[in-house]
């Protein structure tokens, strides 16, 4: 279980940062979130996996806008960078601070066309971000694309369609390392898809909206790195739909050469969220099927309530069948955002 005084301390510091930011007038923008999460694996086919892990995550996004329609933007993340080997309670020695994004964006004034240059997260899929609940994104985060160095363009097509294009390589600058727990600076020899000498990888994503329905289709090509045998190619089709107070989500993703190998892979996610009084109740089912490996299944249920403005508490249950090992988890998440 979480230690209550630590959560109160996190909220205090967040309030202090907010007061400082609000005193500053001008073209600055900011957004912060502080989370304390506790996961208890209370039943598993692997007894060594029955542990309690309580950890801290802080994310911040900062921006400065120029008068010419340009802006400099960055996002910072402080989170655990090492997996627990046993019970862990707020062991900050396992946490590290790193720069997830640092880019320049320019509105070029052609009906909302925006150019992006620097380190950013190319768009591919939606479930890694939009699936509800504490654990709903767990499988979909496998294909989230982050920390890439290159260029992108975002532009509208009419009033209901938007397109995002990007060309990139993996970030191998000093920003690929972290403070505190060190990840180490990435090099070409580390391999991995999109870890190439130049921007040889690209994504294309199109989102269309019609009323309360939003549909996103995405394509990615990530060139093989030094340790890979194949280029990774993937397509994703995802949708969200609001029906009265119910929010629905579904996404199907296919890879022809997953993770730089010859293996095909499929991901499937469906989820729903509905308010019941002051509580938002959600459920998610995800499937991960990678060729030559056992099919994994994930089922989650969560309830979330806002206790005060910006401060929420969530309670969740997770059943995971991963690598042929069944594990059940209960979790508590306290979050403050401003």
C-alpha atoms as a PDB file:
ATOM      1  CA  UNK A   1       0.000   0.000   0.000  1.00  0.00           C
ATOM      2  CA  UNK A   2       1.084   3.597  -0.510  1.00  0.00           C
ATOM      3  CA  UNK A   3       2.371   5.652   2.368  1.00  0.00           C
ATOM      4  CA  UNK A   4      -0.183   8.463   2.844  1.00  0.00           C
ATOM      5  CA  UNK A   5       2.246  11.170   3.908  1.00  0.00           C
ATOM      6  CA  UNK A   6       4.285  10.717   0.714  1.00  0.00           C
ATOM      7  CA  UNK A   7       1.231  11.285  -1.478  1.00  0.00           C
ATOM      8  CA  UNK A   8       0.363  14.409   0.482  1.00  0.00           C
ATOM      9  CA  UNK A   9       3.926  15.628   0.008  1.00  0.00           C
ATOM     10  CA  UNK A  10       3.725  15.089  -3.759  1.00  0.00           C
ATOM     11  CA  UNK A  11       0.536  17.150  -3.932  1.00  0.00           C
ATOM     12  CA  UNK A  12       2.166  19.923  -1.852  1.00  0.00           C
ATOM     13  CA  UNK A  13       5.149  20.194  -4.181  1.00  0.00           C
ATOM     14  CA  UNK A  14       2.878  20.140  -7.242  1.00  0.00           C
ATOM     15  CA  UNK A  15       0.866  23.024  -5.773  1.00  0.00           C
ATOM     16  CA  UNK A  16       4.073  24.967  -5.168  1.00  0.00           C
ATOM     17  CA  UNK A  17       5.218  24.474  -8.793  1.00  0.00           C
ATOM     18  CA  UNK A  18       1.791  25.581 -10.023  1.00  0.00           C
ATOM     19  CA  UNK A  19       1.933  28.781  -7.976  1.00  0.00           C
ATOM     20  CA  UNK A  20       5.377  29.611  -9.352  1.00  0.00           C
ATOM     21  CA  UNK A  21       4.263  28.978 -12.945  1.00  0.00           C
ATOM     22  CA  UNK A  22       1.107  31.033 -12.589  1.00  0.00           C
ATOM     23  CA  UNK A  23       3.110  34.023 -11.366  1.00  0.00           C
ATOM     24  CA  UNK A  24       4.973  34.131 -14.660  1.00  0.00           C
ATOM     25  CA  UNK A  25       3.222  36.193 -17.332  1.00  0.00           C
ATOM     26  CA  UNK A  26       4.049  35.976 -21.000  1.00  0.00           C
ATOM     27  CA  UNK A  27       4.344  33.390 -23.753  1.00  0.00           C
ATOM     28  CA  UNK A  28       5.217  30.460 -21.483  1.00  0.00           C
ATOM     29  CA  UNK A  29       2.995  27.389 -21.197  1.00  0.00           C
ATOM     30  CA  UNK A  30       3.275  24.463 -18.809  1.00  0.00           C
ATOM     31  CA  UNK A  31       1.561  21.246 -17.790  1.00  0.00           C
ATOM     32  CA  UNK A  32       2.623  18.899 -14.984  1.00  0.00           C
ATOM     33  CA  UNK A  33       1.375  15.620 -13.554  1.00  0.00           C
ATOM     34  CA  UNK A  34       2.521  13.760 -10.440  1.00  0.00           C
ATOM     35  CA  UNK A  35       1.516  10.148  -9.862  1.00  0.00           C
ATOM     36  CA  UNK A  36       2.135   7.660  -7.061  1.00  0.00           C
ATOM     37  CA  UNK A  37       1.186   4.115  -8.058  1.00  0.00           C
ATOM     38  CA  UNK A  38       1.227   0.877  -6.087  1.00  0.00           C
ATOM     39  CA  UNK A  39       0.927  -2.502  -7.853  1.00  0.00           C
ATOM     40  CA  UNK A  40       0.446  -5.672  -5.818  1.00  0.00           C
ATOM     41  CA  UNK A  41       0.817  -8.971  -7.686  1.00  0.00           C
ATOM     42  CA  UNK A  42      -1.143 -11.092  -5.236  1.00  0.00           C
ATOM     43  CA  UNK A  43      -1.406 -14.297  -7.270  1.00  0.00           C
ATOM     44  CA  UNK A  44       0.882 -15.642  -9.998  1.00  0.00           C
ATOM     45  CA  UNK A  45       1.967 -18.927 -11.568  1.00  0.00           C
ATOM     46  CA  UNK A  46       5.485 -17.598 -10.942  1.00  0.00           C
ATOM     47  CA  UNK A  47       5.911 -17.149  -7.153  1.00  0.00           C
ATOM     48  CA  UNK A  48       8.830 -14.749  -7.721  1.00  0.00           C
ATOM     49  CA  UNK A  49       6.418 -12.364  -9.460  1.00  0.00           C
ATOM     50  CA  UNK A  50       4.268 -11.952  -6.335  1.00  0.00           C
ATOM     51  CA  UNK A  51       5.654  -8.582  -5.287  1.00  0.00           C
ATOM     52  CA  UNK A  52       4.449  -5.107  -4.276  1.00  0.00           C
ATOM     53  CA  UNK A  53       5.891  -2.201  -6.269  1.00  0.00           C
ATOM     54  CA  UNK A  54       5.179   1.410  -5.271  1.00  0.00           C
ATOM     55  CA  UNK A  55       6.722   4.078  -7.484  1.00  0.00           C
ATOM     56  CA  UNK A  56       6.596   7.718  -8.508  1.00  0.00           C
ATOM     57  CA  UNK A  57       6.108   9.263 -11.949  1.00  0.00           C
ATOM     58  CA  UNK A  58       6.402  12.980 -12.695  1.00  0.00           C
ATOM     59  CA  UNK A  59       5.846  14.404 -16.179  1.00  0.00           C
ATOM     60  CA  UNK A  60       6.208  17.996 -17.270  1.00  0.00           C
ATOM     61  CA  UNK A  61       5.599  19.789 -20.569  1.00  0.00           C
ATOM     62  CA  UNK A  62       6.980  23.286 -21.109  1.00  0.00           C
ATOM     63  CA  UNK A  63       6.679  25.627 -24.079  1.00  0.00           C
ATOM     64  CA  UNK A  64       7.687  29.102 -25.199  1.00  0.00           C
ATOM     65  CA  UNK A  65       5.855  30.778 -28.089  1.00  0.00           C
ATOM     66  CA  UNK A  66       7.425  33.368 -30.388  1.00  0.00           C
ATOM     67  CA  UNK A  67       5.566  36.157 -32.160  1.00  0.00           C
ATOM     68  CA  UNK A  68       6.173  34.576 -35.583  1.00  0.00           C
ATOM     69  CA  UNK A  69       3.990  31.523 -34.924  1.00  0.00           C
ATOM     70  CA  UNK A  70       6.895  29.373 -33.799  1.00  0.00           C
ATOM     71  CA  UNK A  71       7.437  27.708 -30.442  1.00  0.00           C
ATOM     72  CA  UNK A  72      10.033  25.687 -28.534  1.00  0.00           C
ATOM     73  CA  UNK A  73       8.589  22.731 -26.625  1.00  0.00           C
ATOM     74  CA  UNK A  74       9.925  20.086 -24.288  1.00  0.00           C
ATOM     75  CA  UNK A  75       8.557  17.214 -22.215  1.00  0.00           C
ATOM     76  CA  UNK A  76      10.422  15.726 -19.249  1.00  0.00           C
ATOM     77  CA  UNK A  77       9.788  12.410 -17.484  1.00  0.00           C
ATOM     78  CA  UNK A  78      10.930  11.177 -14.071  1.00  0.00           C
ATOM     79  CA  UNK A  79      10.071   7.503 -13.563  1.00  0.00           C
ATOM     80  CA  UNK A  80      11.542   4.086 -12.649  1.00  0.00           C
ATOM     81  CA  UNK A  81      14.058   2.907 -15.245  1.00  0.00           C
ATOM     82  CA  UNK A  82      14.849  -0.445 -13.600  1.00  0.00           C
ATOM     83  CA  UNK A  83      12.429  -3.338 -13.097  1.00  0.00           C
ATOM     84  CA  UNK A  84      11.841  -4.387  -9.483  1.00  0.00           C
ATOM     85  CA  UNK A  85      13.576  -7.563  -8.337  1.00  0.00           C
ATOM     86  CA  UNK A  86      11.408  -7.808  -5.230  1.00  0.00           C
ATOM     87  CA  UNK A  87       9.167  -5.608  -3.121  1.00  0.00           C
ATOM     88  CA  UNK A  88       9.963  -1.949  -3.820  1.00  0.00           C
ATOM     89  CA  UNK A  89       8.671   1.153  -2.055  1.00  0.00           C
ATOM     90  CA  UNK A  90       9.511   4.517  -3.609  1.00  0.00           C
ATOM     91  CA  UNK A  91      13.124   3.565  -4.284  1.00  0.00           C
ATOM     92  CA  UNK A  92      14.217   6.761  -6.005  1.00  0.00           C
ATOM     93  CA  UNK A  93      17.563   5.148  -6.764  1.00  0.00           C
ATOM     94  CA  UNK A  94      15.739   3.229  -9.524  1.00  0.00           C
ATOM     95  CA  UNK A  95      14.239   6.447 -10.956  1.00  0.00           C
ATOM     96  CA  UNK A  96      15.717   8.578 -13.689  1.00  0.00           C
ATOM     97  CA  UNK A  97      14.942  11.922 -15.342  1.00  0.00           C
ATOM     98  CA  UNK A  98      15.082  12.163 -19.117  1.00  0.00           C
ATOM     99  CA  UNK A  99      14.014  14.426 -21.973  1.00  0.00           C
ATOM    100  CA  UNK A 100      11.306  12.692 -23.969  1.00  0.00           C
ATOM    101  CA  UNK A 101      10.788  15.561 -26.422  1.00  0.00           C
ATOM    102  CA  UNK A 102      12.599  18.771 -27.374  1.00  0.00           C
ATOM    103  CA  UNK A 103      11.469  20.326 -30.638  1.00  0.00           C
ATOM    104  CA  UNK A 104      10.731  23.516 -32.542  1.00  0.00           C
ATOM    105  CA  UNK A 105       7.248  23.872 -34.073  1.00  0.00           C
ATOM    106  CA  UNK A 106       6.322  26.440 -36.692  1.00  0.00           C
ATOM    107  CA  UNK A 107       2.859  27.379 -37.952  1.00  0.00           C
ATOM    108  CA  UNK A 108       3.531  28.336 -41.559  1.00  0.00           C
ATOM    109  CA  UNK A 109       0.131  29.945 -42.050  1.00  0.00           C
ATOM    110  CA  UNK A 110      -1.283  27.704 -44.782  1.00  0.00           C
ATOM    111  CA  UNK A 111      -4.582  26.803 -43.194  1.00  0.00           C
ATOM    112  CA  UNK A 112      -3.099  25.323 -40.033  1.00  0.00           C
ATOM    113  CA  UNK A 113      -0.024  23.550 -41.445  1.00  0.00           C
ATOM    114  CA  UNK A 114       2.600  23.017 -38.723  1.00  0.00           C
ATOM    115  CA  UNK A 115       6.204  21.911 -39.152  1.00  0.00           C
ATOM    116  CA  UNK A 116       8.086  20.133 -36.344  1.00  0.00           C
ATOM    117  CA  UNK A 117      11.872  19.737 -36.070  1.00  0.00           C
ATOM    118  CA  UNK A 118      13.862  18.079 -33.289  1.00  0.00           C
ATOM    119  CA  UNK A 119      13.201  15.259 -30.843  1.00  0.00           C
ATOM    120  CA  UNK A 120       9.538  14.229 -30.754  1.00  0.00           C
ATOM    121  CA  UNK A 121       7.095  11.294 -30.688  1.00  0.00           C
ATOM    122  CA  UNK A 122       5.832  10.343 -34.181  1.00  0.00           C
ATOM    123  CA  UNK A 123       2.148   9.396 -34.338  1.00  0.00           C
ATOM    124  CA  UNK A 124       1.226   5.714 -34.688  1.00  0.00           C
ATOM    125  CA  UNK A 125      -1.932   4.194 -33.219  1.00  0.00           C
ATOM    126  CA  UNK A 126      -4.142   5.490 -30.389  1.00  0.00           C
ATOM    127  CA  UNK A 127      -4.679   2.728 -27.779  1.00  0.00           C
ATOM    128  CA  UNK A 128      -1.292   3.303 -26.080  1.00  0.00           C
ATOM    129  CA  UNK A 129      -2.680   6.704 -25.029  1.00  0.00           C
ATOM    130  CA  UNK A 130      -6.482   6.433 -25.146  1.00  0.00           C
ATOM    131  CA  UNK A 131      -7.222   3.044 -23.533  1.00  0.00           C
ATOM    132  CA  UNK A 132      -8.860   3.774 -20.144  1.00  0.00           C
ATOM    133  CA  UNK A 133      -7.939   2.628 -16.656  1.00  0.00           C
ATOM    134  CA  UNK A 134      -4.716   2.053 -14.751  1.00  0.00           C
ATOM    135  CA  UNK A 135      -3.562  -0.892 -16.870  1.00  0.00           C
ATOM    136  CA  UNK A 136      -5.502  -0.479 -20.119  1.00  0.00           C
ATOM    137  CA  UNK A 137      -2.478   0.698 -22.129  1.00  0.00           C
ATOM    138  CA  UNK A 138      -0.067  -2.027 -20.982  1.00  0.00           C
ATOM    139  CA  UNK A 139       0.075  -4.041 -24.229  1.00  0.00           C
ATOM    140  CA  UNK A 140      -0.481  -1.121 -26.607  1.00  0.00           C
ATOM    141  CA  UNK A 141       2.536   0.718 -25.190  1.00  0.00           C
ATOM    142  CA  UNK A 142       4.660  -1.901 -27.006  1.00  0.00           C
ATOM    143  CA  UNK A 143       4.118  -0.030 -30.274  1.00  0.00           C
ATOM    144  CA  UNK A 144       4.139   3.565 -29.045  1.00  0.00           C
ATOM    145  CA  UNK A 145       6.913   5.438 -30.906  1.00  0.00           C
ATOM    146  CA  UNK A 146       8.897   7.839 -28.721  1.00  0.00           C
ATOM    147  CA  UNK A 147      12.129   9.821 -28.565  1.00  0.00           C
ATOM    148  CA  UNK A 148      12.880  10.088 -32.265  1.00  0.00           C
ATOM    149  CA  UNK A 149      15.024  12.722 -33.960  1.00  0.00           C
ATOM    150  CA  UNK A 150      13.783  14.165 -37.240  1.00  0.00           C
ATOM    151  CA  UNK A 151      11.066  16.275 -38.835  1.00  0.00           C
ATOM    152  CA  UNK A 152       7.303  16.123 -39.088  1.00  0.00           C
ATOM    153  CA  UNK A 153       4.378  17.986 -40.580  1.00  0.00           C
ATOM    154  CA  UNK A 154       0.784  18.207 -39.338  1.00  0.00           C
ATOM    155  CA  UNK A 155      -1.950  19.582 -41.547  1.00  0.00           C
ATOM    156  CA  UNK A 156      -5.754  19.603 -41.803  1.00  0.00           C
ATOM    157  CA  UNK A 157      -7.703  18.365 -44.805  1.00  0.00           C
ATOM    158  CA  UNK A 158     -11.015  20.165 -44.647  1.00  0.00           C
ATOM    159  CA  UNK A 159     -12.681  20.551 -41.267  1.00  0.00           C
ATOM    160  CA  UNK A 160     -12.837  16.934 -40.122  1.00  0.00           C
ATOM    161  CA  UNK A 161      -9.587  15.276 -41.277  1.00  0.00           C
ATOM    162  CA  UNK A 162      -6.030  15.767 -40.034  1.00  0.00           C
ATOM    163  CA  UNK A 163      -2.792  14.212 -41.319  1.00  0.00           C
ATOM    164  CA  UNK A 164       0.530  13.722 -39.545  1.00  0.00           C
ATOM    165  CA  UNK A 165       3.728  12.745 -41.399  1.00  0.00           C
ATOM    166  CA  UNK A 166       7.188  12.206 -39.910  1.00  0.00           C
ATOM    167  CA  UNK A 167      10.679  11.086 -40.949  1.00  0.00           C
ATOM    168  CA  UNK A 168      13.108  10.187 -38.197  1.00  0.00           C
ATOM    169  CA  UNK A 169      15.910   8.179 -36.642  1.00  0.00           C
ATOM    170  CA  UNK A 170      16.509   7.157 -33.027  1.00  0.00           C
ATOM    171  CA  UNK A 171      17.925   9.838 -30.753  1.00  0.00           C
ATOM    172  CA  UNK A 172      21.581   9.041 -30.039  1.00  0.00           C
ATOM    173  CA  UNK A 173      22.493  12.424 -28.565  1.00  0.00           C
ATOM    174  CA  UNK A 174      23.225  12.990 -24.885  1.00  0.00           C
ATOM    175  CA  UNK A 175      19.463  13.422 -24.462  1.00  0.00           C
ATOM    176  CA  UNK A 176      19.068   9.660 -24.887  1.00  0.00           C
ATOM    177  CA  UNK A 177      20.698   9.217 -21.468  1.00  0.00           C
ATOM    178  CA  UNK A 178      19.101  10.123 -18.130  1.00  0.00           C
ATOM    179  CA  UNK A 179      19.957  11.709 -14.801  1.00  0.00           C
ATOM    180  CA  UNK A 180      19.768   9.645 -11.628  1.00  0.00           C
ATOM    181  CA  UNK A 181      19.384   6.050 -12.785  1.00  0.00           C
ATOM    182  CA  UNK A 182      21.335   6.145 -16.071  1.00  0.00           C
ATOM    183  CA  UNK A 183      19.941   4.509 -19.206  1.00  0.00           C
ATOM    184  CA  UNK A 184      23.225   5.038 -21.020  1.00  0.00           C
ATOM    185  CA  UNK A 185      23.578   7.041 -24.221  1.00  0.00           C
ATOM    186  CA  UNK A 186      22.254   5.139 -27.235  1.00  0.00           C
ATOM    187  CA  UNK A 187      24.714   4.206 -29.993  1.00  0.00           C
ATOM    188  CA  UNK A 188      24.403   2.677 -33.460  1.00  0.00           C
ATOM    189  CA  UNK A 189      25.888  -0.542 -32.129  1.00  0.00           C
ATOM    190  CA  UNK A 190      22.929  -0.978 -29.757  1.00  0.00           C
ATOM    191  CA  UNK A 191      20.706  -1.754 -32.765  1.00  0.00           C
ATOM    192  CA  UNK A 192      16.941  -1.604 -32.733  1.00  0.00           C
ATOM    193  CA  UNK A 193      14.548  -0.485 -35.447  1.00  0.00           C
ATOM    194  CA  UNK A 194      14.944   3.157 -36.571  1.00  0.00           C
ATOM    195  CA  UNK A 195      18.411   3.287 -34.957  1.00  0.00           C
ATOM    196  CA  UNK A 196      20.110   4.200 -38.236  1.00  0.00           C
ATOM    197  CA  UNK A 197      22.693   6.748 -39.327  1.00  0.00           C
ATOM    198  CA  UNK A 198      20.055   8.991 -40.914  1.00  0.00           C
ATOM    199  CA  UNK A 199      16.278   9.578 -40.945  1.00  0.00           C
ATOM    200  CA  UNK A 200      15.416   6.391 -42.861  1.00  0.00           C
ATOM    201  CA  UNK A 201      12.150   5.661 -40.981  1.00  0.00           C
ATOM    202  CA  UNK A 202       8.759   7.321 -41.372  1.00  0.00           C
ATOM    203  CA  UNK A 203       5.161   7.316 -40.199  1.00  0.00           C
ATOM    204  CA  UNK A 204       1.899   8.530 -41.706  1.00  0.00           C
ATOM    205  CA  UNK A 205      -1.321   8.920 -39.766  1.00  0.00           C
ATOM    206  CA  UNK A 206      -4.792  10.151 -40.775  1.00  0.00           C
ATOM    207  CA  UNK A 207      -7.606  10.965 -38.366  1.00  0.00           C
ATOM    208  CA  UNK A 208     -11.174  11.635 -39.434  1.00  0.00           C
ATOM    209  CA  UNK A 209     -14.060  12.768 -37.253  1.00  0.00           C
ATOM    210  CA  UNK A 210     -17.808  12.571 -37.781  1.00  0.00           C
ATOM    211  CA  UNK A 211     -19.834  13.699 -34.816  1.00  0.00           C
ATOM    212  CA  UNK A 212     -18.792  11.644 -31.783  1.00  0.00           C
ATOM    213  CA  UNK A 213     -16.900   9.101 -33.927  1.00  0.00           C
ATOM    214  CA  UNK A 214     -13.147   9.444 -34.463  1.00  0.00           C
ATOM    215  CA  UNK A 215     -11.193   7.024 -36.688  1.00  0.00           C
ATOM    216  CA  UNK A 216      -7.390   6.925 -37.013  1.00  0.00           C
ATOM    217  CA  UNK A 217      -5.415   4.877 -39.498  1.00  0.00           C
ATOM    218  CA  UNK A 218      -1.619   4.774 -39.265  1.00  0.00           C
ATOM    219  CA  UNK A 219       1.345   3.344 -41.154  1.00  0.00           C
ATOM    220  CA  UNK A 220       4.935   2.954 -40.042  1.00  0.00           C
ATOM    221  CA  UNK A 221       8.207   1.901 -41.638  1.00  0.00           C
ATOM    222  CA  UNK A 222      11.133   1.620 -39.233  1.00  0.00           C
ATOM    223  CA  UNK A 223      14.433   0.706 -40.878  1.00  0.00           C
ATOM    224  CA  UNK A 224      16.433  -2.113 -39.331  1.00  0.00           C
ATOM    225  CA  UNK A 225      19.317  -1.333 -37.009  1.00  0.00           C
ATOM    226  CA  UNK A 226      22.669  -3.087 -36.715  1.00  0.00           C
ATOM    227  CA  UNK A 227      21.294  -6.003 -34.671  1.00  0.00           C
ATOM    228  CA  UNK A 228      18.114  -6.544 -36.732  1.00  0.00           C
ATOM    229  CA  UNK A 229      17.405  -8.754 -39.721  1.00  0.00           C
ATOM    230  CA  UNK A 230      14.285  -7.000 -41.080  1.00  0.00           C
ATOM    231  CA  UNK A 231      12.735  -3.570 -41.412  1.00  0.00           C
ATOM    232  CA  UNK A 232       9.641  -3.217 -39.206  1.00  0.00           C
ATOM    233  CA  UNK A 233       6.431  -2.421 -41.106  1.00  0.00           C
ATOM    234  CA  UNK A 234       3.154  -1.853 -39.296  1.00  0.00           C
ATOM    235  CA  UNK A 235      -0.401  -0.646 -39.864  1.00  0.00           C
ATOM    236  CA  UNK A 236      -2.985   0.365 -37.270  1.00  0.00           C
ATOM    237  CA  UNK A 237      -6.713   1.081 -37.374  1.00  0.00           C
ATOM    238  CA  UNK A 238      -8.303   2.558 -34.269  1.00  0.00           C
ATOM    239  CA  UNK A 239     -11.556   4.277 -33.388  1.00  0.00           C
ATOM    240  CA  UNK A 240     -13.298   5.954 -30.472  1.00  0.00           C
ATOM    241  CA  UNK A 241     -17.041   6.490 -30.196  1.00  0.00           C
ATOM    242  CA  UNK A 242     -19.134   8.337 -27.610  1.00  0.00           C
ATOM    243  CA  UNK A 243     -22.669   7.005 -27.111  1.00  0.00           C
ATOM    244  CA  UNK A 244     -24.432   9.158 -24.555  1.00  0.00           C
ATOM    245  CA  UNK A 245     -22.086   8.922 -21.538  1.00  0.00           C
ATOM    246  CA  UNK A 246     -20.336   5.731 -22.676  1.00  0.00           C
ATOM    247  CA  UNK A 247     -16.900   6.016 -24.289  1.00  0.00           C
ATOM    248  CA  UNK A 248     -15.879   3.110 -26.541  1.00  0.00           C
ATOM    249  CA  UNK A 249     -12.465   2.309 -28.030  1.00  0.00           C
ATOM    250  CA  UNK A 250     -11.149  -0.319 -30.422  1.00  0.00           C
ATOM    251  CA  UNK A 251      -7.862  -0.824 -32.246  1.00  0.00           C
ATOM    252  CA  UNK A 252      -6.240  -3.495 -34.416  1.00  0.00           C
ATOM    253  CA  UNK A 253      -2.522  -3.367 -35.252  1.00  0.00           C
ATOM    254  CA  UNK A 254      -0.498  -5.619 -37.569  1.00  0.00           C
ATOM    255  CA  UNK A 255       3.285  -5.880 -38.028  1.00  0.00           C
ATOM    256  CA  UNK A 256       4.866  -7.856 -40.851  1.00  0.00           C
ATOM    257  CA  UNK A 257       8.385  -7.905 -39.338  1.00  0.00           C
ATOM    258  CA  UNK A 258       7.968  -7.115 -35.678  1.00  0.00           C
ATOM    259  CA  UNK A 259      10.884  -5.670 -33.736  1.00  0.00           C
ATOM    260  CA  UNK A 260      13.298  -6.185 -36.619  1.00  0.00           C
ATOM    261  CA  UNK A 261      12.679  -9.943 -36.854  1.00  0.00           C
ATOM    262  CA  UNK A 262      10.852 -12.147 -39.366  1.00  0.00           C
ATOM    263  CA  UNK A 263       7.911 -12.546 -36.961  1.00  0.00           C
ATOM    264  CA  UNK A 264       4.421 -11.299 -37.699  1.00  0.00           C
ATOM    265  CA  UNK A 265       2.544  -9.712 -34.791  1.00  0.00           C
ATOM    266  CA  UNK A 266      -1.040  -8.702 -34.061  1.00  0.00           C
ATOM    267  CA  UNK A 267      -2.373  -6.459 -31.311  1.00  0.00           C
ATOM    268  CA  UNK A 268      -6.045  -6.031 -30.519  1.00  0.00           C
ATOM    269  CA  UNK A 269      -7.547  -3.712 -27.897  1.00  0.00           C
ATOM    270  CA  UNK A 270     -11.148  -2.940 -26.968  1.00  0.00           C
ATOM    271  CA  UNK A 271     -12.280  -0.823 -24.048  1.00  0.00           C
ATOM    272  CA  UNK A 272     -15.206   1.057 -22.575  1.00  0.00           C
ATOM    273  CA  UNK A 273     -15.661   3.711 -19.923  1.00  0.00           C
ATOM    274  CA  UNK A 274     -18.913   4.791 -18.271  1.00  0.00           C
ATOM    275  CA  UNK A 275     -19.667   7.199 -15.391  1.00  0.00           C
ATOM    276  CA  UNK A 276     -21.515   5.696 -12.427  1.00  0.00           C
ATOM    277  CA  UNK A 277     -22.247   8.600 -10.123  1.00  0.00           C
ATOM    278  CA  UNK A 278     -18.932  10.360  -9.377  1.00  0.00           C
ATOM    279  CA  UNK A 279     -16.893   7.304 -10.423  1.00  0.00           C
ATOM    280  CA  UNK A 280     -15.688   6.561 -13.961  1.00  0.00           C
ATOM    281  CA  UNK A 281     -15.679   2.780 -14.405  1.00  0.00           C
ATOM    282  CA  UNK A 282     -13.718   1.237 -17.277  1.00  0.00           C
ATOM    283  CA  UNK A 283     -12.775  -2.157 -18.661  1.00  0.00           C
ATOM    284  CA  UNK A 284     -10.207  -3.162 -21.299  1.00  0.00           C
ATOM    285  CA  UNK A 285      -9.327  -6.392 -23.073  1.00  0.00           C
ATOM    286  CA  UNK A 286      -6.076  -6.643 -25.052  1.00  0.00           C
ATOM    287  CA  UNK A 287      -4.505  -9.437 -27.063  1.00  0.00           C
ATOM    288  CA  UNK A 288      -0.863  -9.671 -28.168  1.00  0.00           C
ATOM    289  CA  UNK A 289       0.030 -12.387 -30.672  1.00  0.00           C
ATOM    290  CA  UNK A 290       3.677 -12.486 -31.776  1.00  0.00           C
ATOM    291  CA  UNK A 291       4.675 -15.316 -34.096  1.00  0.00           C
ATOM    292  CA  UNK A 292       6.786 -18.061 -32.420  1.00  0.00           C
ATOM    293  CA  UNK A 293       5.643 -16.863 -28.970  1.00  0.00           C
ATOM    294  CA  UNK A 294       2.595 -17.721 -26.821  1.00  0.00           C
ATOM    295  CA  UNK A 295      -0.431 -15.482 -27.311  1.00  0.00           C
ATOM    296  CA  UNK A 296      -0.799 -13.022 -24.418  1.00  0.00           C
ATOM    297  CA  UNK A 297      -4.110 -11.798 -23.002  1.00  0.00           C
ATOM    298  CA  UNK A 298      -4.883  -8.869 -20.726  1.00  0.00           C
ATOM    299  CA  UNK A 299      -8.103  -7.982 -18.909  1.00  0.00           C
ATOM    300  CA  UNK A 300      -8.412  -4.909 -16.689  1.00  0.00           C
ATOM    301  CA  UNK A 301     -11.118  -3.149 -14.674  1.00  0.00           C
ATOM    302  CA  UNK A 302     -10.673   0.272 -13.058  1.00  0.00           C
ATOM    303  CA  UNK A 303     -12.621   2.902 -11.163  1.00  0.00           C
ATOM    304  CA  UNK A 304     -11.542   6.543 -11.014  1.00  0.00           C
ATOM    305  CA  UNK A 305     -12.860   9.434  -8.928  1.00  0.00           C
ATOM    306  CA  UNK A 306     -11.812  13.093  -8.746  1.00  0.00           C
ATOM    307  CA  UNK A 307     -11.414  13.953  -5.062  1.00  0.00           C
ATOM    308  CA  UNK A 308     -10.567  17.637  -5.530  1.00  0.00           C
ATOM    309  CA  UNK A 309      -9.846  19.760  -8.580  1.00  0.00           C
ATOM    310  CA  UNK A 310      -7.020  18.051 -10.471  1.00  0.00           C
ATOM    311  CA  UNK A 311      -6.501  15.290  -7.895  1.00  0.00           C
ATOM    312  CA  UNK A 312      -7.829  11.807  -8.755  1.00  0.00           C
ATOM    313  CA  UNK A 313      -7.716   8.378  -7.158  1.00  0.00           C
ATOM    314  CA  UNK A 314      -8.028   5.134  -9.130  1.00  0.00           C
ATOM    315  CA  UNK A 315      -8.378   1.519  -8.073  1.00  0.00           C
ATOM    316  CA  UNK A 316      -7.743  -1.219 -10.624  1.00  0.00           C
ATOM    317  CA  UNK A 317      -7.593  -4.971 -11.195  1.00  0.00           C
ATOM    318  CA  UNK A 318      -5.380  -6.622 -13.817  1.00  0.00           C
ATOM    319  CA  UNK A 319      -5.373 -10.209 -15.066  1.00  0.00           C
ATOM    320  CA  UNK A 320      -2.474 -10.941 -17.378  1.00  0.00           C
ATOM    321  CA  UNK A 321      -1.697 -14.164 -19.248  1.00  0.00           C
ATOM    322  CA  UNK A 322       1.812 -13.398 -20.517  1.00  0.00           C
ATOM    323  CA  UNK A 323       4.283 -15.969 -21.762  1.00  0.00           C
ATOM    324  CA  UNK A 324       2.045 -18.705 -20.400  1.00  0.00           C
ATOM    325  CA  UNK A 325       2.169 -17.246 -16.865  1.00  0.00           C
ATOM    326  CA  UNK A 326      -1.068 -15.999 -15.267  1.00  0.00           C
ATOM    327  CA  UNK A 327      -0.704 -13.088 -12.845  1.00  0.00           C
ATOM    328  CA  UNK A 328      -3.362 -11.137 -10.965  1.00  0.00           C
ATOM    329  CA  UNK A 329      -2.697  -7.586  -9.786  1.00  0.00           C
ATOM    330  CA  UNK A 330      -4.547  -4.951  -7.801  1.00  0.00           C
ATOM    331  CA  UNK A 331      -3.346  -1.381  -7.993  1.00  0.00           C
ATOM    332  CA  UNK A 332      -3.912   2.072  -6.539  1.00  0.00           C
ATOM    333  CA  UNK A 333      -3.040   5.261  -8.413  1.00  0.00           C
ATOM    334  CA  UNK A 334      -3.090   8.771  -6.931  1.00  0.00           C
ATOM    335  CA  UNK A 335      -2.572  11.522  -9.504  1.00  0.00           C
ATOM    336  CA  UNK A 336      -2.406  15.294  -9.431  1.00  0.00           C
ATOM    337  CA  UNK A 337      -2.291  17.323 -12.616  1.00  0.00           C
ATOM    338  CA  UNK A 338      -2.127  21.020 -13.321  1.00  0.00           C
END
